[in-house]
N, C-alpha and C. Protein backbone atom coordinates (compact mmCIF):
# COMPACT_ATOMS: atom_id res chain seq x y z
N UNK A 1 1.04 -96.88 -45.81
CA UNK A 1 1.16 -96.87 -44.49
C UNK A 1 2.08 -97.72 -44.00
N UNK A 2 3.12 -97.23 -43.00
CA UNK A 2 4.10 -97.75 -42.07
C UNK A 2 3.21 -97.93 -40.76
N UNK A 3 3.31 -99.24 -40.30
CA UNK A 3 2.40 -99.16 -39.12
C UNK A 3 3.14 -99.87 -37.88
N UNK A 4 2.97 -99.68 -36.65
CA UNK A 4 4.12 -100.48 -35.85
C UNK A 4 3.05 -101.02 -34.80
N UNK A 5 3.20 -102.31 -34.25
CA UNK A 5 2.16 -103.12 -33.43
C UNK A 5 3.08 -103.43 -32.53
N UNK A 6 2.54 -102.72 -31.01
CA UNK A 6 3.20 -103.10 -29.62
C UNK A 6 2.46 -103.85 -28.65
N UNK A 7 3.40 -105.03 -28.21
CA UNK A 7 2.48 -106.06 -27.81
C UNK A 7 3.12 -106.68 -26.72
N UNK A 8 2.58 -107.16 -25.54
CA UNK A 8 3.24 -107.98 -24.24
C UNK A 8 3.33 -109.29 -24.78
N UNK A 9 3.08 -109.76 -25.95
CA UNK A 9 2.56 -111.43 -26.00
C UNK A 9 2.64 -110.98 -27.50
N UNK A 10 3.51 -112.46 -28.29
CA UNK A 10 3.52 -112.43 -29.50
C UNK A 10 4.14 -114.04 -29.77
N UNK A 11 4.22 -114.48 -31.11
CA UNK A 11 4.19 -115.66 -31.00
C UNK A 11 5.83 -116.09 -30.83
N UNK A 12 6.11 -117.20 -30.11
CA UNK A 12 5.36 -118.42 -30.37
C UNK A 12 4.25 -118.49 -29.24
N UNK A 13 4.35 -117.42 -28.31
CA UNK A 13 3.02 -117.49 -27.43
C UNK A 13 1.98 -117.39 -28.04
N UNK A 14 1.10 -118.56 -27.40
CA UNK A 14 -0.41 -118.23 -28.47
C UNK A 14 -1.53 -117.74 -27.37
N UNK A 15 -2.29 -116.89 -27.78
CA UNK A 15 -3.29 -116.36 -27.30
C UNK A 15 -4.33 -115.71 -28.24
N UNK A 16 -5.43 -115.24 -27.16
CA UNK A 16 -6.33 -113.82 -27.89
C UNK A 16 -5.34 -112.87 -28.93
N UNK A 17 -4.55 -112.03 -27.87
CA UNK A 17 -4.10 -111.09 -28.26
C UNK A 17 -3.44 -111.44 -29.70
N UNK A 18 -2.51 -112.70 -29.53
CA UNK A 18 -1.66 -112.63 -30.82
C UNK A 18 -2.48 -113.03 -31.79
N UNK A 19 -3.63 -113.64 -31.66
CA UNK A 19 -4.31 -114.14 -33.07
C UNK A 19 -4.93 -112.67 -33.59
N UNK A 20 -5.27 -111.62 -32.82
CA UNK A 20 -5.75 -110.56 -32.86
C UNK A 20 -4.85 -109.71 -33.96
N UNK A 21 -3.34 -110.04 -33.51
CA UNK A 21 -2.21 -108.80 -34.23
C UNK A 21 -2.08 -109.74 -35.21
N UNK A 22 -2.14 -111.03 -35.49
CA UNK A 22 -2.01 -112.28 -36.75
C UNK A 22 -2.98 -111.52 -37.53
N UNK A 23 -4.32 -111.44 -37.43
CA UNK A 23 -5.35 -111.08 -38.36
C UNK A 23 -5.16 -109.66 -39.02
N UNK A 24 -5.03 -108.60 -37.59
CA UNK A 24 -4.66 -107.34 -38.16
C UNK A 24 -3.36 -107.21 -39.16
N UNK A 25 -2.37 -107.86 -38.97
CA UNK A 25 -1.13 -107.70 -39.68
C UNK A 25 -1.35 -108.30 -41.27
N UNK A 26 -2.18 -109.68 -41.12
CA UNK A 26 -2.74 -110.17 -42.32
C UNK A 26 -3.40 -109.34 -43.41
N UNK A 27 -4.62 -108.67 -42.79
CA UNK A 27 -5.42 -107.68 -43.51
C UNK A 27 -4.79 -106.53 -43.96
N UNK A 28 -4.05 -106.20 -42.75
CA UNK A 28 -3.64 -104.60 -43.25
C UNK A 28 -2.41 -104.69 -44.74
N UNK A 29 -1.59 -105.82 -44.47
CA UNK A 29 -0.94 -106.03 -45.45
C UNK A 29 -1.43 -106.72 -46.75
N UNK A 30 -2.53 -107.20 -46.89
CA UNK A 30 -3.34 -107.58 -48.25
C UNK A 30 -3.81 -106.10 -48.75
N UNK A 31 -3.75 -105.21 -47.97
CA UNK A 31 -4.06 -103.70 -48.37
C UNK A 31 -2.96 -103.02 -48.47
N UNK A 32 -1.62 -103.51 -48.91
CA UNK A 32 -0.55 -102.81 -49.26
C UNK A 32 0.06 -102.03 -47.89
N UNK A 33 -0.18 -102.31 -46.80
CA UNK A 33 0.59 -101.38 -45.59
C UNK A 33 1.46 -102.19 -45.00
N UNK A 34 2.65 -101.64 -44.79
CA UNK A 34 3.70 -102.30 -44.06
C UNK A 34 3.53 -102.80 -42.54
N UNK A 35 3.67 -103.61 -41.59
CA UNK A 35 3.44 -103.72 -40.23
C UNK A 35 4.83 -104.31 -39.88
N UNK A 36 5.05 -103.35 -38.77
CA UNK A 36 6.36 -104.01 -37.67
C UNK A 36 5.84 -104.24 -36.27
N UNK A 37 6.20 -105.47 -35.98
CA UNK A 37 5.39 -105.64 -34.41
C UNK A 37 6.93 -105.77 -34.05
N UNK A 38 6.52 -105.08 -32.18
CA UNK A 38 7.58 -104.98 -31.18
C UNK A 38 7.00 -105.34 -30.25
N UNK A 39 7.84 -106.64 -29.54
CA UNK A 39 7.13 -107.65 -29.00
C UNK A 39 8.55 -108.44 -28.31
N UNK A 40 8.16 -109.10 -27.15
CA UNK A 40 8.66 -109.63 -26.27
C UNK A 40 9.54 -110.44 -26.95
N UNK A 41 11.25 -111.07 -26.48
CA UNK A 41 11.45 -112.16 -26.98
C UNK A 41 11.32 -113.36 -26.42
N UNK A 42 11.30 -114.43 -26.86
CA UNK A 42 11.14 -115.66 -26.24
C UNK A 42 12.05 -117.13 -26.41
N UNK A 43 12.44 -117.64 -25.42
CA UNK A 43 13.29 -118.61 -25.90
C UNK A 43 13.04 -119.45 -26.49
N UNK A 44 11.97 -119.72 -26.92
CA UNK A 44 11.73 -120.96 -28.24
C UNK A 44 11.24 -120.30 -29.51
N UNK A 45 11.46 -119.24 -29.64
CA UNK A 45 10.95 -118.14 -30.62
C UNK A 45 11.16 -118.52 -32.05
N UNK A 46 12.42 -119.38 -32.16
CA UNK A 46 12.67 -119.70 -33.59
C UNK A 46 13.61 -118.62 -34.27
N UNK A 47 13.94 -119.08 -35.46
CA UNK A 47 14.76 -117.54 -36.31
C UNK A 47 14.39 -116.03 -36.43
N UNK A 48 14.91 -115.39 -36.32
CA UNK A 48 14.50 -113.75 -36.39
C UNK A 48 13.27 -113.95 -37.68
N UNK A 49 12.39 -113.19 -37.67
CA UNK A 49 11.23 -112.80 -38.81
C UNK A 49 11.76 -111.11 -39.48
N UNK A 50 11.71 -111.16 -40.65
CA UNK A 50 11.63 -109.86 -41.22
C UNK A 50 10.46 -108.91 -40.24
N UNK A 51 10.51 -107.48 -40.28
CA UNK A 51 9.47 -106.76 -39.54
C UNK A 51 9.15 -107.25 -38.01
N UNK A 52 9.92 -107.78 -37.43
CA UNK A 52 9.58 -108.35 -35.81
C UNK A 52 10.76 -107.99 -35.31
N UNK A 53 10.45 -107.24 -34.33
CA UNK A 53 11.61 -106.50 -33.60
C UNK A 53 11.40 -107.25 -32.05
N UNK A 54 12.44 -108.00 -31.58
CA UNK A 54 12.33 -108.70 -30.08
C UNK A 54 12.96 -107.76 -29.15
N UNK A 55 12.01 -107.53 -28.09
CA UNK A 55 12.87 -106.97 -26.94
C UNK A 55 13.37 -107.65 -25.94
N UNK A 56 14.68 -107.74 -25.27
CA UNK A 56 15.18 -108.74 -24.25
C UNK A 56 14.06 -108.68 -23.39
N UNK A 57 13.55 -109.75 -22.57
CA UNK A 57 12.86 -110.25 -21.80
C UNK A 57 13.21 -111.12 -20.67
N UNK A 58 12.15 -111.29 -19.68
CA UNK A 58 12.18 -112.10 -18.51
C UNK A 58 11.11 -112.90 -18.52
N UNK A 59 11.14 -114.08 -18.18
CA UNK A 59 10.36 -114.76 -17.66
C UNK A 59 9.40 -115.03 -16.71
N UNK A 60 7.91 -115.52 -16.96
CA UNK A 60 7.27 -114.90 -15.93
C UNK A 60 6.61 -116.16 -14.79
N UNK A 61 5.88 -116.45 -14.17
CA UNK A 61 5.96 -117.55 -13.40
C UNK A 61 4.43 -118.00 -14.48
N UNK A 62 3.76 -117.71 -15.29
CA UNK A 62 3.18 -118.03 -16.28
C UNK A 62 3.71 -118.91 -17.33
N UNK A 63 3.23 -120.23 -17.94
CA UNK A 63 4.10 -120.66 -18.53
C UNK A 63 4.31 -120.10 -19.92
N UNK A 64 5.42 -120.12 -20.47
CA UNK A 64 5.52 -119.68 -21.59
C UNK A 64 5.52 -118.41 -22.07
N UNK A 65 5.46 -117.23 -20.97
CA UNK A 65 5.05 -115.86 -20.83
C UNK A 65 6.26 -115.36 -20.70
N UNK A 66 6.52 -114.79 -21.33
CA UNK A 66 7.81 -113.50 -20.68
C UNK A 66 7.22 -112.20 -20.94
N UNK A 67 8.22 -111.08 -19.96
CA UNK A 67 7.84 -109.71 -19.89
C UNK A 67 8.92 -108.97 -20.88
N UNK A 68 9.13 -108.16 -21.65
CA UNK A 68 9.70 -107.60 -22.49
C UNK A 68 10.41 -106.17 -21.05
N UNK A 69 11.64 -105.87 -21.69
CA UNK A 69 12.02 -105.04 -20.97
C UNK A 69 12.56 -104.27 -22.01
N UNK A 70 11.79 -103.14 -22.28
CA UNK A 70 12.00 -102.26 -23.55
C UNK A 70 13.08 -101.62 -23.38
N UNK A 71 13.98 -101.47 -22.64
CA UNK A 71 15.42 -100.59 -22.97
C UNK A 71 16.22 -100.96 -23.97
N UNK A 72 15.75 -101.04 -25.16
CA UNK A 72 17.13 -101.46 -25.95
C UNK A 72 17.09 -99.92 -26.48
N UNK A 73 18.17 -99.34 -26.47
CA UNK A 73 18.24 -98.42 -27.58
C UNK A 73 18.56 -98.77 -28.93
N UNK A 74 19.21 -99.56 -29.27
CA UNK A 74 18.90 -100.01 -30.86
C UNK A 74 17.86 -100.14 -31.24
N UNK A 75 16.72 -100.75 -30.60
CA UNK A 75 15.44 -100.95 -31.09
C UNK A 75 14.86 -99.56 -31.21
N UNK A 76 14.93 -98.63 -30.09
CA UNK A 76 14.22 -97.23 -30.20
C UNK A 76 14.63 -96.76 -31.67
N UNK A 77 16.13 -96.50 -31.56
CA UNK A 77 16.71 -96.18 -33.05
C UNK A 77 16.27 -96.51 -34.39
N UNK A 78 16.11 -98.12 -34.14
CA UNK A 78 15.73 -98.75 -35.32
C UNK A 78 13.95 -98.13 -35.74
N UNK A 79 13.52 -98.38 -34.59
CA UNK A 79 11.87 -98.08 -34.61
C UNK A 79 11.69 -96.19 -35.55
N UNK A 80 12.73 -95.57 -34.94
CA UNK A 80 12.45 -93.84 -35.46
C UNK A 80 13.03 -93.98 -37.06
N UNK A 81 13.64 -95.34 -37.37
CA UNK A 81 14.12 -95.10 -39.11
C UNK A 81 13.25 -95.69 -39.37
N UNK A 82 11.83 -96.02 -39.29
CA UNK A 82 10.87 -97.11 -40.05
C UNK A 82 9.82 -95.90 -40.99
N UNK A 83 10.09 -94.70 -40.62
CA UNK A 83 8.98 -93.91 -41.42
C UNK A 83 7.66 -94.31 -40.95
N UNK A 84 7.64 -94.54 -39.72
CA UNK A 84 5.76 -94.78 -39.07
C UNK A 84 5.16 -93.88 -39.21
N UNK A 85 3.73 -93.91 -39.26
CA UNK A 85 2.57 -93.46 -39.68
C UNK A 85 1.89 -93.60 -38.64
N UNK A 86 1.95 -94.47 -38.03
CA UNK A 86 0.87 -94.80 -36.92
C UNK A 86 1.50 -95.82 -35.99
N UNK A 87 1.30 -95.96 -34.81
CA UNK A 87 1.32 -96.86 -33.83
C UNK A 87 0.41 -97.45 -33.18
N UNK A 88 -0.33 -98.78 -32.84
CA UNK A 88 -0.81 -99.47 -32.89
C UNK A 88 -0.14 -99.83 -31.52
N UNK A 89 -1.05 -100.10 -30.23
CA UNK A 89 -0.64 -100.69 -29.02
C UNK A 89 -1.33 -101.61 -28.74
N UNK A 90 -1.36 -102.53 -27.98
CA UNK A 90 -2.35 -104.04 -27.89
C UNK A 90 -2.65 -104.03 -26.16
N UNK A 91 -1.97 -103.37 -25.37
CA UNK A 91 -2.24 -103.49 -24.10
C UNK A 91 -1.72 -101.68 -23.33
N UNK A 92 -2.17 -101.63 -21.81
CA UNK A 92 -1.73 -100.27 -21.41
C UNK A 92 -0.32 -100.56 -20.52
N UNK A 93 0.00 -102.16 -20.76
CA UNK A 93 1.15 -102.37 -19.71
C UNK A 93 2.50 -102.17 -20.66
N UNK A 94 3.55 -103.05 -20.25
CA UNK A 94 4.91 -102.35 -20.78
C UNK A 94 4.88 -102.05 -22.08
N UNK A 95 4.73 -103.16 -22.69
CA UNK A 95 4.79 -102.66 -24.08
C UNK A 95 4.14 -101.58 -24.69
N UNK A 96 2.88 -101.34 -24.50
CA UNK A 96 2.11 -100.61 -24.71
C UNK A 96 2.36 -99.35 -24.32
N UNK A 97 3.20 -98.97 -22.92
CA UNK A 97 3.66 -97.70 -22.83
C UNK A 97 4.74 -97.26 -23.53
N UNK A 98 5.50 -98.46 -24.07
CA UNK A 98 6.82 -98.07 -25.16
C UNK A 98 6.34 -97.23 -26.33
N UNK A 99 5.74 -98.12 -27.01
CA UNK A 99 4.70 -97.57 -27.59
C UNK A 99 4.17 -96.18 -27.85
N UNK A 100 3.44 -96.21 -27.02
CA UNK A 100 2.68 -94.84 -26.56
C UNK A 100 4.01 -94.02 -26.77
N UNK A 101 4.60 -94.31 -25.66
CA UNK A 101 6.14 -92.94 -25.38
C UNK A 101 6.78 -92.66 -26.84
N UNK A 102 6.98 -93.89 -27.79
CA UNK A 102 7.32 -93.71 -29.04
C UNK A 102 6.52 -92.63 -30.17
N UNK A 103 5.19 -93.02 -29.75
CA UNK A 103 4.20 -92.05 -30.50
C UNK A 103 4.46 -90.51 -30.33
N UNK A 104 4.06 -90.50 -29.01
CA UNK A 104 4.30 -89.23 -28.64
C UNK A 104 5.91 -88.40 -29.18
N UNK A 105 6.93 -89.27 -29.27
CA UNK A 105 8.44 -89.00 -29.80
C UNK A 105 7.90 -88.50 -30.71
N UNK A 106 7.33 -89.43 -31.84
CA UNK A 106 7.83 -89.09 -33.32
C UNK A 106 6.54 -88.17 -33.75
N UNK A 107 5.56 -87.94 -33.14
CA UNK A 107 4.35 -87.03 -33.04
C UNK A 107 3.36 -88.07 -34.35
N UNK A 108 3.28 -89.10 -34.08
CA UNK A 108 2.82 -89.69 -34.87
C UNK A 108 1.21 -90.14 -34.19
N UNK A 109 0.05 -90.69 -34.85
CA UNK A 109 -1.12 -90.70 -34.02
C UNK A 109 -0.97 -92.36 -33.56
N UNK A 110 -1.76 -92.67 -32.20
CA UNK A 110 -1.71 -94.11 -31.30
C UNK A 110 -2.81 -94.49 -31.43
N UNK A 111 -3.11 -95.60 -31.72
CA UNK A 111 -4.28 -97.05 -31.77
C UNK A 111 -4.02 -97.43 -30.52
N UNK A 112 -5.07 -97.76 -29.96
CA UNK A 112 -4.90 -98.67 -28.55
C UNK A 112 -6.11 -99.63 -28.60
N UNK A 113 -5.32 -100.72 -28.24
CA UNK A 113 -6.63 -102.00 -28.33
C UNK A 113 -6.37 -102.45 -26.91
N UNK A 114 -7.57 -102.65 -26.21
CA UNK A 114 -7.15 -103.16 -24.66
C UNK A 114 -8.00 -104.86 -24.79
N UNK A 115 -7.56 -105.91 -24.82
CA UNK A 115 -8.01 -107.02 -25.26
C UNK A 115 -8.89 -107.87 -24.33
N UNK A 116 -8.64 -107.26 -22.71
CA UNK A 116 -9.17 -108.36 -22.11
C UNK A 116 -9.90 -107.34 -21.03
N UNK A 117 -11.06 -107.79 -20.30
CA UNK A 117 -11.99 -107.17 -19.20
C UNK A 117 -11.43 -106.29 -18.18
């Protein structure tokens, strides 16, 4: 399967959400699935990695945390071309809504995980 994960946080930011995404990704890949991650860009993120797509973002008042601005037509076109079978969103916020919208547009199942109380 081709699985897209949408998250409001990802590496190099460290959190329980990020660790969960890493665990999901590792286990799904071990079972032969392809995982694509859609997350905000960070100033200190390092070089681009395969299968990780970064949306432009703005810094917040939280240290090292940015908010994605998911209005990037080229990334939407890229996502549509990946042959996605399912989209997994990791929050109800900005990136979660972007992932849910894409799932609806593509007619693919949506999995939702909310990691906080």
